[in-house]
Amino acid sequence: MAIKSVEQMIAEARADLDNHTPEEAKRRVDTEGALLVDIRDVRELQRDGVIPGAMHAPRGMLEFWIDPASQYFKPIFAEDREFVLY
């Protein structure tokens, strides 16, 4: 099996993602109940601030927090809503 390049993996991941402008993300939160999920490092939060109402989920823990089989699972990720990661 050939190893995929980083560029290939990024292109494949982006094909399954929706990208929103900040205005569209805000509209989805305000009118559709989407949840903003800040995946930045805690030092970035301290340095740059946070968006009020956003949930912090460190990027390195995201898969563990989303997986119901993980001991680190966070029930909020089982909710039937859109999650806007930034």
C-alpha atoms as a PDB file:
ATOM      1  CA  MET A   1       0.000   0.000   0.000  1.00  0.00           C
ATOM      2  CA  ALA A   2       1.384   3.405  -0.991  1.00  0.00           C
ATOM      3  CA  ILE A   3       1.693   6.037   1.682  1.00  0.00           C
ATOM      4  CA  LYS A   4      -0.392   9.126   0.963  1.00  0.00           C
ATOM      5  CA  SER A   5       1.271  12.505   0.959  1.00  0.00           C
ATOM      6  CA  VAL A   6       0.165  15.198   3.374  1.00  0.00           C
ATOM      7  CA  GLU A   7      -1.253  17.130   0.432  1.00  0.00           C
ATOM      8  CA  GLN A   8      -3.377  14.112  -0.585  1.00  0.00           C
ATOM      9  CA  MET A   9      -4.697  13.621   2.943  1.00  0.00           C
ATOM     10  CA  ILE A  10      -5.564  17.315   3.264  1.00  0.00           C
ATOM     11  CA  ALA A  11      -7.338  17.318  -0.120  1.00  0.00           C
ATOM     12  CA  GLU A  12      -9.387  14.256   0.890  1.00  0.00           C
ATOM     13  CA  ALA A  13     -10.324  15.789   4.238  1.00  0.00           C
ATOM     14  CA  ARG A  14     -11.317  19.102   2.660  1.00  0.00           C
ATOM     15  CA  ALA A  15     -13.593  17.296   0.192  1.00  0.00           C
ATOM     16  CA  ASP A  16     -15.792  16.255   3.143  1.00  0.00           C
ATOM     17  CA  LEU A  17     -15.851  19.634   4.885  1.00  0.00           C
ATOM     18  CA  ASP A  18     -18.066  22.674   4.609  1.00  0.00           C
ATOM     19  CA  ASN A  19     -16.248  25.984   4.954  1.00  0.00           C
ATOM     20  CA  HIS A  20     -18.228  28.927   6.298  1.00  0.00           C
ATOM     21  CA  THR A  21     -17.548  32.624   6.485  1.00  0.00           C
ATOM     22  CA  PRO A  22     -17.655  34.049  10.004  1.00  0.00           C
ATOM     23  CA  GLU A  23     -21.027  35.586   9.153  1.00  0.00           C
ATOM     24  CA  GLU A  24     -22.435  32.239   8.008  1.00  0.00           C
ATOM     25  CA  ALA A  25     -21.111  30.505  11.116  1.00  0.00           C
ATOM     26  CA  LYS A  26     -22.798  33.127  13.301  1.00  0.00           C
ATOM     27  CA  ARG A  27     -26.064  32.697  11.397  1.00  0.00           C
ATOM     28  CA  ARG A  28     -25.934  28.931  11.903  1.00  0.00           C
ATOM     29  CA  VAL A  29     -25.371  29.421  15.632  1.00  0.00           C
ATOM     30  CA  ASP A  30     -28.085  32.060  15.964  1.00  0.00           C
ATOM     31  CA  THR A  31     -30.797  30.450  13.823  1.00  0.00           C
ATOM     32  CA  GLU A  32     -30.002  26.737  13.633  1.00  0.00           C
ATOM     33  CA  GLY A  33     -28.495  25.968  17.023  1.00  0.00           C
ATOM     34  CA  ALA A  34     -25.024  25.098  15.775  1.00  0.00           C
ATOM     35  CA  LEU A  35     -22.259  25.018  18.377  1.00  0.00           C
ATOM     36  CA  LEU A  36     -18.930  26.755  17.835  1.00  0.00           C
ATOM     37  CA  VAL A  37     -16.046  24.506  18.883  1.00  0.00           C
ATOM     38  CA  ASP A  38     -12.694  26.210  19.387  1.00  0.00           C
ATOM     39  CA  ILE A  39      -9.941  23.650  18.724  1.00  0.00           C
ATOM     40  CA  ARG A  40      -7.017  25.964  19.438  1.00  0.00           C
ATOM     41  CA  ASP A  41      -4.369  25.337  22.051  1.00  0.00           C
ATOM     42  CA  VAL A  42      -5.072  26.818  25.495  1.00  0.00           C
ATOM     43  CA  ARG A  43      -2.143  29.239  25.054  1.00  0.00           C
ATOM     44  CA  GLU A  44      -3.813  30.609  21.928  1.00  0.00           C
ATOM     45  CA  LEU A  45      -7.029  31.124  23.872  1.00  0.00           C
ATOM     46  CA  GLN A  46      -5.172  33.034  26.559  1.00  0.00           C
ATOM     47  CA  ARG A  47      -3.290  35.121  24.006  1.00  0.00           C
ATOM     48  CA  ASP A  48      -6.076  35.828  21.498  1.00  0.00           C
ATOM     49  CA  GLY A  49      -9.282  35.509  23.511  1.00  0.00           C
ATOM     50  CA  VAL A  50     -12.390  33.434  22.914  1.00  0.00           C
ATOM     51  CA  ILE A  51     -15.777  33.745  21.262  1.00  0.00           C
ATOM     52  CA  PRO A  52     -18.466  33.913  23.976  1.00  0.00           C
ATOM     53  CA  GLY A  53     -20.556  30.750  24.012  1.00  0.00           C
ATOM     54  CA  ALA A  54     -18.012  28.665  22.115  1.00  0.00           C
ATOM     55  CA  MET A  55     -16.913  25.327  23.534  1.00  0.00           C
ATOM     56  CA  HIS A  56     -13.196  24.608  23.845  1.00  0.00           C
ATOM     57  CA  ALA A  57     -12.120  21.163  22.615  1.00  0.00           C
ATOM     58  CA  PRO A  58      -8.333  20.930  22.262  1.00  0.00           C
ATOM     59  CA  ARG A  59      -7.397  19.625  18.823  1.00  0.00           C
ATOM     60  CA  GLY A  60      -5.333  16.814  20.309  1.00  0.00           C
ATOM     61  CA  MET A  61      -8.355  15.511  22.227  1.00  0.00           C
ATOM     62  CA  LEU A  62     -11.070  16.020  19.612  1.00  0.00           C
ATOM     63  CA  GLU A  63     -11.302  12.421  18.367  1.00  0.00           C
ATOM     64  CA  PHE A  64     -11.377  11.113  21.940  1.00  0.00           C
ATOM     65  CA  TRP A  65     -14.101  13.552  22.996  1.00  0.00           C
ATOM     66  CA  ILE A  66     -16.261  12.696  19.965  1.00  0.00           C
ATOM     67  CA  ASP A  67     -15.953   8.885  20.149  1.00  0.00           C
ATOM     68  CA  PRO A  68     -18.715   7.380  22.367  1.00  0.00           C
ATOM     69  CA  ALA A  69     -16.456   4.377  23.061  1.00  0.00           C
ATOM     70  CA  SER A  70     -13.712   6.594  24.478  1.00  0.00           C
ATOM     71  CA  GLN A  71     -13.322   7.080  28.205  1.00  0.00           C
ATOM     72  CA  TYR A  72     -12.940  10.794  27.401  1.00  0.00           C
ATOM     73  CA  PHE A  73     -16.241  11.059  25.477  1.00  0.00           C
ATOM     74  CA  LYS A  74     -18.178  14.308  25.990  1.00  0.00           C
ATOM     75  CA  PRO A  75     -21.970  13.820  25.726  1.00  0.00           C
ATOM     76  CA  ILE A  76     -22.446  17.190  24.023  1.00  0.00           C
ATOM     77  CA  PHE A  77     -20.980  15.613  20.872  1.00  0.00           C
ATOM     78  CA  ALA A  78     -23.858  13.114  20.781  1.00  0.00           C
ATOM     79  CA  GLU A  79     -26.365  15.923  20.328  1.00  0.00           C
ATOM     80  CA  ASP A  80     -28.145  16.196  16.991  1.00  0.00           C
ATOM     81  CA  ARG A  81     -26.709  19.552  15.954  1.00  0.00           C
ATOM     82  CA  GLU A  82     -24.048  21.018  13.743  1.00  0.00           C
ATOM     83  CA  PHE A  83     -20.612  21.620  15.183  1.00  0.00           C
ATOM     84  CA  VAL A  84     -18.606  24.452  13.629  1.00  0.00           C
ATOM     85  CA  LEU A  85     -14.935  23.886  14.390  1.00  0.00           C
ATOM     86  CA  TYR A  86     -12.444  26.707  14.224  1.00  0.00           C
END
